[in-house]
Amino acid sequence: MPLARVLRLRDATVIGLGSMIGAGVFAVWAPALGAAGSGILIALAVAAFVAFANATSSAQLAAVHPVAGGTYAYARAEIGPWSGFIAGWCFVVGKVASCAAMAMTFAAYAAPEGWQLPVAVIAVAMLTAVNCFGVTRTALLTRILVLVSLLGLAVVVAAGGTAVATGASPQPLPAATAYGILQGAGLLFFAFAGYARIATMGEEVTDPARTIPRAIILALAGAVTVYVLVGATVVLTLGASVLISAAPLVDVLAAAGWSAATPVVRVAAAAAALGALLALLTGIGRTSLAMARENDIPRFFARIDERWQVPRRAEIAIGVLVIGIVLLADLRGAIGFSSFGVLLYYLIANVAAFRQRPEARRYPRALQIAGALACILLVSTLPTEASLVGTGVVLAGVVYRMLRLRIRRAQSETRPR
């Protein structure tokens, strides 16, 4: 059974924007500034360029392959089954880590001290339930959460502008190094990767060849604008003190004397994290559905609920995995591991777009080459622990598929002809 095509341009754009705004604007500044130091805005520009190159590759591929699964489906069609599997595996494991990071961010802003862990688990369980009752409900809730998030961010930028105008003197940031800037860009890329959610939902978008490329570019442009404004505000208001801040955007309000607005920003942060978590869960479920249809994971997860037309089994399984990571991991580790998986995913997306025929081409091949090389460069500068864990998980996926193929081959040989 196919998924229902019910999402229009506005819905698809909001889902992508919700993923990107919530994915890092409240969570990524401390680790990114710790790596990039005074070069944070350069790191942000590098991350935005890599995201743009990757987004155009995704848009070009989505216009030709309007099916669920994103780069998993594109790479299977343009390169081969193994490339598709690695892309899908990297996406699923990387984005499961992103979900855990968003649940932790939500709890950090919304829950009182000592209650963060149970609140994060409850958030994952509730949004998994929302996803099980239809994608139109997902789109509506995401739209509401994005509006609340943007309101809170507008308050932060206004407060930071007031602090700068009245002569705020933030602590100077550590000196930038080329390696630190690249590592910071790799961590910031975690925040921009939300446009993938639009591509993974290609089977639920109306007029996908037109809608998906437009939604990807619109969502990315909006997210870059928001990140530049908020990043500049954090740097000019807090400086190096952000490195020890658990909630930097709340600290911007304190520095500006706007402490009365703190509840607004906490609500906005919680809404942004929930919006990103909701969209992430949706995207992972669709990629898992595509992988199950091709027998790359058990076909048990390929079933689509007849009433609500969603891959309910896949959604529930993903929710359980995210809750497990929330219980075991920390925020910085989740962000680094997520960036590792997502950068490999987009490396394969760029290669797949490069291999497309001339009649399918919307963007020059030079952009895809630049995107692929940038993914390799950024993934090589990520924290060592995240890279080692990520490499181990990718290798585990390769071994799993090899064993699965061997078992299927043995079963086919023993079947009576």
Protein backbone atom coordinates (compact mmCIF):
# COMPACT_ATOMS: atom_id res chain seq x y z
CA MET A 1 0.00 0.00 0.00
CA PRO A 2 1.42 3.46 -0.88
CA LEU A 3 1.46 6.40 1.51
CA ALA A 4 -1.09 9.20 0.99
CA ARG A 5 -0.01 12.34 -0.95
CA VAL A 6 -1.44 15.07 1.30
CA LEU A 7 1.45 17.47 2.02
CA ARG A 8 1.61 20.75 0.08
CA LEU A 9 4.53 23.17 -0.32
CA ARG A 10 3.77 25.00 2.93
CA ASP A 11 3.54 21.76 4.91
CA ALA A 12 6.77 20.33 3.49
CA THR A 13 8.66 23.61 4.05
CA VAL A 14 7.47 23.87 7.65
CA ILE A 15 8.47 20.26 8.41
CA GLY A 16 11.99 20.95 7.10
CA LEU A 17 12.22 24.30 8.88
CA GLY A 18 10.99 22.75 12.12
CA SER A 19 13.70 20.10 11.90
CA MET A 20 16.48 22.62 11.34
CA ILE A 21 15.43 25.26 13.85
CA GLY A 22 14.90 22.81 16.66
CA ALA A 23 17.86 20.63 15.72
CA GLY A 24 20.48 22.99 17.02
CA VAL A 25 19.65 26.63 17.59
CA PHE A 26 19.07 26.00 21.30
CA ALA A 27 21.62 23.21 21.74
CA VAL A 28 24.64 23.44 19.45
CA TRP A 29 26.33 26.71 20.40
CA ALA A 30 28.41 25.51 23.36
CA PRO A 31 30.06 22.52 21.57
CA ALA A 32 30.45 24.47 18.32
CA LEU A 33 31.98 27.51 20.03
CA GLY A 34 34.24 25.23 22.07
CA ALA A 35 35.67 23.92 18.80
CA ALA A 36 35.62 27.00 16.54
CA GLY A 37 36.26 29.76 19.10
CA SER A 38 36.32 33.21 17.53
CA GLY A 39 35.87 31.60 14.10
CA ILE A 40 32.31 30.49 14.90
CA LEU A 41 30.69 32.62 12.22
CA ILE A 42 33.15 31.27 9.63
CA ALA A 43 32.27 27.76 10.79
CA LEU A 44 28.59 28.65 10.42
CA ALA A 45 29.21 29.87 6.86
CA VAL A 46 31.08 26.66 6.01
CA ALA A 47 28.27 24.51 7.46
CA ALA A 48 25.67 26.53 5.53
CA PHE A 49 27.59 26.11 2.24
CA VAL A 50 27.92 22.35 2.75
CA ALA A 51 24.23 22.18 3.60
CA PHE A 52 23.37 24.13 0.45
CA ALA A 53 25.44 21.83 -1.77
CA ASN A 54 23.87 18.78 -0.18
CA ALA A 55 20.37 20.27 -0.33
CA THR A 56 20.63 20.90 -4.06
CA SER A 57 21.74 17.29 -4.58
CA SER A 58 18.77 16.07 -2.54
CA ALA A 59 16.41 18.35 -4.47
CA GLN A 60 17.71 17.14 -7.83
CA LEU A 61 17.35 13.49 -6.80
CA ALA A 62 13.92 13.96 -5.20
CA ALA A 63 12.52 15.48 -8.39
CA VAL A 64 13.28 12.25 -10.27
CA HIS A 65 12.59 9.73 -7.47
CA PRO A 66 9.46 10.93 -5.59
CA VAL A 67 9.28 7.98 -3.19
CA ALA A 68 9.71 7.45 0.54
CA GLY A 69 13.24 6.85 1.77
CA GLY A 70 15.32 9.84 0.65
CA THR A 71 18.94 9.06 -0.26
CA TYR A 72 18.40 5.39 0.55
CA ALA A 73 16.03 5.15 -2.42
CA TYR A 74 18.05 7.55 -4.61
CA ALA A 75 21.36 5.74 -4.11
CA ARG A 76 19.78 2.35 -4.83
CA ALA A 77 18.46 3.70 -8.12
CA GLU A 78 21.51 5.72 -9.20
CA ILE A 79 24.45 3.70 -7.78
CA GLY A 80 23.33 0.32 -6.44
CA PRO A 81 21.84 -1.58 -3.49
CA TRP A 82 24.95 -1.46 -1.29
CA SER A 83 25.26 2.33 -1.55
CA GLY A 84 21.59 2.67 -0.78
CA PHE A 85 21.86 0.46 2.27
CA ILE A 86 24.85 2.36 3.70
CA ALA A 87 23.05 5.68 3.14
CA GLY A 88 19.87 4.41 4.79
CA TRP A 89 21.77 2.84 7.68
CA CYS A 90 23.74 6.04 8.31
CA PHE A 91 20.56 8.09 8.17
CA VAL A 92 18.65 5.89 10.60
CA VAL A 93 21.42 5.56 13.20
CA GLY A 94 22.50 9.21 12.88
CA LYS A 95 18.98 10.55 13.14
CA VAL A 96 18.05 8.28 16.02
CA ALA A 97 20.92 10.02 17.86
CA SER A 98 19.51 13.39 16.73
CA CYS A 99 16.13 12.43 18.19
CA ALA A 100 17.77 11.65 21.50
CA ALA A 101 19.59 15.01 21.43
CA MET A 102 16.32 16.85 20.79
CA ALA A 103 14.54 15.01 23.58
CA MET A 104 17.37 15.94 25.98
CA THR A 105 17.28 19.58 24.83
CA PHE A 106 13.53 19.74 25.37
CA ALA A 107 13.87 18.36 28.87
CA ALA A 108 16.79 20.69 29.72
CA TYR A 109 14.63 23.75 29.01
CA ALA A 110 11.22 22.44 30.08
CA ALA A 111 11.77 20.18 33.09
CA PRO A 112 12.84 21.05 36.64
CA GLU A 113 16.17 19.78 37.94
CA GLY A 114 16.12 16.03 38.48
CA TRP A 115 13.17 15.43 36.15
CA GLN A 116 14.92 15.82 32.79
CA LEU A 117 15.31 12.11 32.07
CA PRO A 118 11.68 11.02 32.60
CA VAL A 119 10.40 14.12 30.79
CA ALA A 120 12.61 13.35 27.77
CA VAL A 121 11.32 9.77 27.67
CA ILE A 122 7.69 10.91 27.92
CA ALA A 123 8.23 13.43 25.08
CA VAL A 124 9.54 10.71 22.76
CA ALA A 125 6.64 8.40 23.62
CA MET A 126 3.99 11.09 23.06
CA LEU A 127 5.36 12.28 19.71
CA THR A 128 5.73 8.70 18.51
CA ALA A 129 2.02 8.34 19.25
CA VAL A 130 1.24 11.53 17.25
CA ASN A 131 3.14 10.14 14.25
CA CYS A 132 1.08 6.94 14.42
CA PHE A 133 -2.13 8.85 13.68
CA GLY A 134 -1.38 10.40 10.30
CA VAL A 135 1.08 12.77 8.66
CA THR A 136 -1.40 15.67 8.44
CA ARG A 137 -1.47 15.79 12.24
CA THR A 138 2.35 15.80 12.21
CA ALA A 139 2.39 18.78 9.80
CA LEU A 140 -0.18 20.74 11.82
CA LEU A 141 1.62 20.26 15.13
CA THR A 142 4.99 21.11 13.52
CA ARG A 143 3.55 24.39 12.15
CA ILE A 144 2.41 25.42 15.63
CA LEU A 145 5.76 24.51 17.21
CA VAL A 146 7.74 26.44 14.57
CA LEU A 147 5.70 29.61 15.17
CA VAL A 148 6.27 29.39 18.92
CA SER A 149 10.00 28.80 18.37
CA LEU A 150 10.40 31.80 16.06
CA LEU A 151 8.63 34.04 18.58
CA GLY A 152 11.07 33.04 21.30
CA LEU A 153 14.08 33.51 19.03
CA ALA A 154 12.86 36.98 18.07
CA VAL A 155 12.81 37.87 21.79
CA VAL A 156 16.40 36.58 22.17
CA VAL A 157 17.68 38.60 19.18
CA ALA A 158 15.92 41.73 20.43
CA ALA A 159 17.39 41.29 23.91
CA GLY A 160 20.88 40.72 22.50
CA GLY A 161 20.56 43.86 20.37
CA THR A 162 19.69 45.83 23.49
CA ALA A 163 22.70 44.45 25.36
CA VAL A 164 25.08 45.32 22.50
CA ALA A 165 23.60 48.80 22.17
CA THR A 166 24.13 49.48 25.87
CA GLY A 167 27.81 48.49 25.68
CA ALA A 168 27.91 44.81 26.66
CA SER A 169 31.49 43.55 26.93
CA PRO A 170 31.49 39.77 26.53
CA GLN A 171 34.52 37.64 27.39
CA PRO A 172 36.73 37.12 24.33
CA LEU A 173 36.42 33.75 22.64
CA PRO A 174 39.41 31.41 22.27
CA ALA A 175 41.53 32.03 19.17
CA ALA A 176 40.34 30.22 16.08
CA THR A 177 42.30 27.50 14.29
CA ALA A 178 41.60 26.01 10.88
CA TYR A 179 40.99 22.58 12.40
CA GLY A 180 38.73 24.03 15.10
CA ILE A 181 36.67 25.93 12.53
CA LEU A 182 36.15 22.76 10.49
CA GLN A 183 35.19 20.76 13.59
CA GLY A 184 32.78 23.51 14.57
CA ALA A 185 31.31 23.42 11.06
CA GLY A 186 30.87 19.66 11.36
CA LEU A 187 28.98 20.07 14.62
CA LEU A 188 26.89 22.93 13.23
CA PHE A 189 26.01 20.82 10.20
CA PHE A 190 23.97 18.71 12.63
CA ALA A 191 21.67 21.73 12.89
CA PHE A 192 21.14 22.21 9.14
CA ALA A 193 20.40 18.63 8.13
CA GLY A 194 16.63 18.90 8.64
CA TYR A 195 15.86 19.36 4.96
CA ALA A 196 16.41 15.61 4.58
CA ARG A 197 13.04 15.12 6.24
CA ILE A 198 11.37 16.69 3.20
CA ALA A 199 13.07 14.30 0.80
CA THR A 200 12.35 11.20 2.90
CA MET A 201 8.63 12.05 2.70
CA GLY A 202 8.58 12.13 -1.10
CA GLU A 203 5.70 9.66 -1.23
CA GLU A 204 3.43 11.95 0.81
CA VAL A 205 4.01 15.27 -1.02
CA THR A 206 1.70 16.54 -3.72
CA ASP A 207 3.38 17.23 -7.11
CA PRO A 208 6.74 16.03 -5.68
CA ALA A 209 8.89 16.92 -8.71
CA ARG A 210 7.99 20.58 -8.17
CA THR A 211 7.22 20.76 -4.45
CA ILE A 212 10.20 18.93 -2.92
CA PRO A 213 13.02 20.98 -4.54
CA ARG A 214 11.25 24.26 -3.72
CA ALA A 215 10.51 23.22 -0.13
CA ILE A 216 14.12 22.13 0.49
CA ILE A 217 15.60 25.44 -0.69
CA LEU A 218 12.99 27.57 1.12
CA ALA A 219 13.46 25.70 4.40
CA LEU A 220 17.26 25.90 4.21
CA ALA A 221 17.21 29.65 3.41
CA GLY A 222 14.95 30.33 6.38
CA ALA A 223 17.08 28.24 8.74
CA VAL A 224 20.36 29.90 7.66
CA THR A 225 18.84 33.33 8.30
CA VAL A 226 17.74 32.31 11.79
CA TYR A 227 21.10 30.75 12.68
CA VAL A 228 23.11 33.76 11.54
CA LEU A 229 20.99 36.13 13.62
CA VAL A 230 21.03 33.95 16.73
CA GLY A 231 24.72 33.04 16.39
CA ALA A 232 25.76 36.66 16.12
CA THR A 233 23.56 37.51 19.12
CA VAL A 234 25.12 34.79 21.29
CA VAL A 235 28.70 35.76 20.36
CA LEU A 236 28.23 39.52 20.82
CA THR A 237 26.33 39.15 24.10
CA LEU A 238 27.96 36.23 25.93
CA GLY A 239 31.33 35.58 24.31
CA ALA A 240 33.33 32.82 26.01
CA SER A 241 30.87 32.43 28.88
CA VAL A 242 28.64 30.43 26.53
CA LEU A 243 31.13 27.55 26.84
CA ILE A 244 29.91 26.81 30.37
CA SER A 245 26.25 27.62 29.75
CA ALA A 246 23.57 24.94 29.85
CA ALA A 247 20.97 27.29 28.34
CA PRO A 248 22.83 30.03 26.40
CA LEU A 249 19.77 31.77 25.00
CA VAL A 250 18.35 32.20 28.49
CA ASP A 251 21.72 33.67 29.53
CA VAL A 252 21.43 36.22 26.68
CA LEU A 253 18.25 37.50 28.32
CA ALA A 254 19.97 37.74 31.71
CA ALA A 255 22.89 39.68 30.21
CA ALA A 256 20.46 42.12 28.60
CA GLY A 257 18.39 42.56 31.77
CA TRP A 258 15.39 40.84 30.18
CA SER A 259 15.06 38.07 32.77
CA ALA A 260 11.28 38.54 32.87
CA ALA A 261 11.15 37.10 29.32
CA THR A 262 12.91 33.87 30.36
CA PRO A 263 9.68 31.80 30.42
CA VAL A 264 8.98 32.82 26.81
CA VAL A 265 12.37 31.54 25.65
CA ARG A 266 12.12 28.34 27.66
CA VAL A 267 8.74 27.61 26.08
CA ALA A 268 10.17 28.44 22.64
CA ALA A 269 13.18 26.17 23.21
CA ALA A 270 10.94 23.35 24.30
CA ALA A 271 8.69 23.89 21.27
CA ALA A 272 11.66 23.96 18.89
CA ALA A 273 13.09 20.75 20.29
CA LEU A 274 9.69 19.07 20.08
CA GLY A 275 9.21 20.27 16.49
CA ALA A 276 12.57 18.85 15.47
CA LEU A 277 11.95 15.60 17.33
CA LEU A 278 8.57 15.18 15.66
CA ALA A 279 9.95 15.75 12.16
CA LEU A 280 12.98 13.54 12.83
CA LEU A 281 10.82 10.65 13.98
CA THR A 282 8.73 11.03 10.84
CA GLY A 283 11.74 10.97 8.51
CA ILE A 284 13.36 7.96 10.16
CA GLY A 285 10.10 6.04 9.97
CA ARG A 286 9.86 6.66 6.21
CA THR A 287 13.46 5.60 5.55
CA SER A 288 12.91 2.47 7.65
CA LEU A 289 9.78 1.75 5.59
CA ALA A 290 11.77 2.03 2.35
CA MET A 291 14.51 -0.25 3.69
CA ALA A 292 11.97 -2.83 4.85
CA ARG A 293 10.31 -2.84 1.42
CA GLU A 294 13.67 -3.84 -0.08
CA ASN A 295 14.38 -6.45 2.63
CA ASP A 296 17.37 -4.50 3.97
CA ILE A 297 15.69 -4.66 7.37
CA PRO A 298 12.93 -7.12 8.33
CA ARG A 299 9.80 -6.80 6.16
CA PHE A 300 7.80 -6.69 9.40
CA PHE A 301 8.43 -2.93 9.34
CA ALA A 302 7.08 -2.46 5.78
CA ARG A 303 3.44 -2.69 6.86
CA ILE A 304 1.40 0.52 6.47
CA ASP A 305 -1.57 1.06 8.75
CA GLU A 306 -4.71 0.88 6.59
CA ARG A 307 -6.65 3.53 8.49
CA TRP A 308 -3.99 6.18 9.15
CA GLN A 309 -1.69 5.32 6.21
CA VAL A 310 1.55 5.52 8.23
CA PRO A 311 4.30 2.91 8.84
CA ARG A 312 3.18 2.38 12.42
CA ARG A 313 5.43 -0.58 13.22
CA ALA A 314 8.52 1.31 12.06
CA GLU A 315 7.47 4.43 14.00
CA ILE A 316 7.05 2.48 17.25
CA ALA A 317 10.38 0.66 16.83
CA ILE A 318 12.20 3.96 16.24
CA GLY A 319 10.58 5.48 19.32
CA VAL A 320 11.81 2.58 21.46
CA LEU A 321 15.38 2.98 20.11
CA VAL A 322 15.39 6.72 20.82
CA ILE A 323 14.23 6.15 24.39
CA GLY A 324 17.09 3.69 24.84
CA ILE A 325 19.67 6.28 23.73
CA VAL A 326 18.12 8.96 25.94
CA LEU A 327 18.63 6.64 28.91
CA LEU A 328 22.27 5.85 28.02
CA ALA A 329 23.90 8.84 26.23
CA ASP A 330 24.70 12.53 26.80
CA LEU A 331 23.92 15.54 24.59
CA ARG A 332 27.43 16.24 23.21
CA GLY A 333 27.99 12.60 22.30
CA ALA A 334 24.60 12.41 20.58
CA ILE A 335 25.36 15.52 18.46
CA GLY A 336 28.80 14.25 17.38
CA PHE A 337 27.51 10.79 16.50
CA SER A 338 24.57 12.26 14.60
CA SER A 339 26.87 14.50 12.55
CA PHE A 340 29.03 11.50 11.62
CA GLY A 341 26.10 9.49 10.27
CA VAL A 342 24.46 12.41 8.48
CA LEU A 343 27.68 13.57 6.76
CA LEU A 344 28.22 10.07 5.33
CA TYR A 345 24.58 10.02 4.23
CA TYR A 346 25.01 13.26 2.28
CA LEU A 347 28.35 12.13 0.84
CA ILE A 348 26.41 9.33 -0.86
CA ALA A 349 23.64 11.77 -1.88
CA ASN A 350 26.19 13.95 -3.69
CA VAL A 351 27.68 10.95 -5.48
CA ALA A 352 24.20 9.77 -6.53
CA ALA A 353 23.31 13.23 -7.86
CA PHE A 354 26.64 13.41 -9.72
CA ARG A 355 25.76 10.18 -11.54
CA GLN A 356 22.37 11.39 -12.77
CA ARG A 357 21.81 11.76 -16.50
CA PRO A 358 22.01 15.23 -18.12
CA GLU A 359 18.22 15.46 -18.61
CA ALA A 360 17.69 15.08 -14.84
CA ARG A 361 20.29 17.71 -13.92
CA ARG A 362 19.16 20.91 -12.18
CA TYR A 363 22.49 22.01 -10.68
CA PRO A 364 26.11 21.85 -11.96
CA ARG A 365 28.21 18.80 -11.15
CA ALA A 366 30.83 21.08 -9.57
CA LEU A 367 28.40 21.74 -6.71
CA GLN A 368 28.02 18.00 -6.07
CA ILE A 369 31.81 17.52 -6.12
CA ALA A 370 32.21 20.37 -3.64
CA GLY A 371 29.49 18.91 -1.41
CA ALA A 372 31.05 15.43 -1.41
CA LEU A 373 34.56 16.71 -0.64
CA ALA A 374 33.22 18.95 2.11
CA CYS A 375 31.41 16.01 3.73
CA ILE A 376 34.65 13.99 3.75
CA LEU A 377 36.58 16.94 5.21
CA LEU A 378 34.08 17.69 7.97
CA VAL A 379 33.57 14.07 9.01
CA SER A 380 37.35 13.69 9.40
CA THR A 381 37.45 16.58 11.92
CA LEU A 382 34.65 15.40 14.22
CA PRO A 383 35.52 14.44 17.83
CA THR A 384 37.47 11.15 17.89
CA GLU A 385 35.00 9.32 20.12
CA ALA A 386 32.06 10.15 17.82
CA SER A 387 34.04 9.03 14.77
CA LEU A 388 35.10 5.74 16.36
CA VAL A 389 31.59 4.89 17.53
CA GLY A 390 30.13 5.94 14.17
CA THR A 391 32.61 3.80 12.24
CA GLY A 392 31.81 0.81 14.44
CA VAL A 393 28.07 1.21 13.90
CA VAL A 394 28.46 1.54 10.12
CA LEU A 395 30.64 -1.59 10.01
CA ALA A 396 28.07 -3.43 12.12
CA GLY A 397 25.43 -2.50 9.53
CA VAL A 398 27.61 -3.81 6.70
CA VAL A 399 28.16 -7.11 8.51
CA TYR A 400 24.41 -7.35 9.23
CA ARG A 401 23.53 -6.94 5.53
CA MET A 402 26.18 -9.44 4.45
CA LEU A 403 24.76 -12.04 6.84
CA ARG A 404 21.20 -11.26 5.77
CA LEU A 405 22.10 -11.67 2.08
CA ARG A 406 23.92 -14.94 2.81
CA ILE A 407 20.91 -16.34 4.70
CA ARG A 408 18.52 -15.34 1.90
CA ARG A 409 20.82 -16.90 -0.69
CA ALA A 410 21.01 -20.14 1.28
CA GLN A 411 17.23 -20.24 1.67
CA SER A 412 16.69 -19.73 -2.08
CA GLU A 413 19.15 -22.54 -2.90
CA THR A 414 17.40 -25.02 -0.61
CA ARG A 415 13.90 -24.26 -1.92
CA PRO A 416 12.45 -26.96 -4.20
CA ARG A 417 12.46 -25.89 -7.83
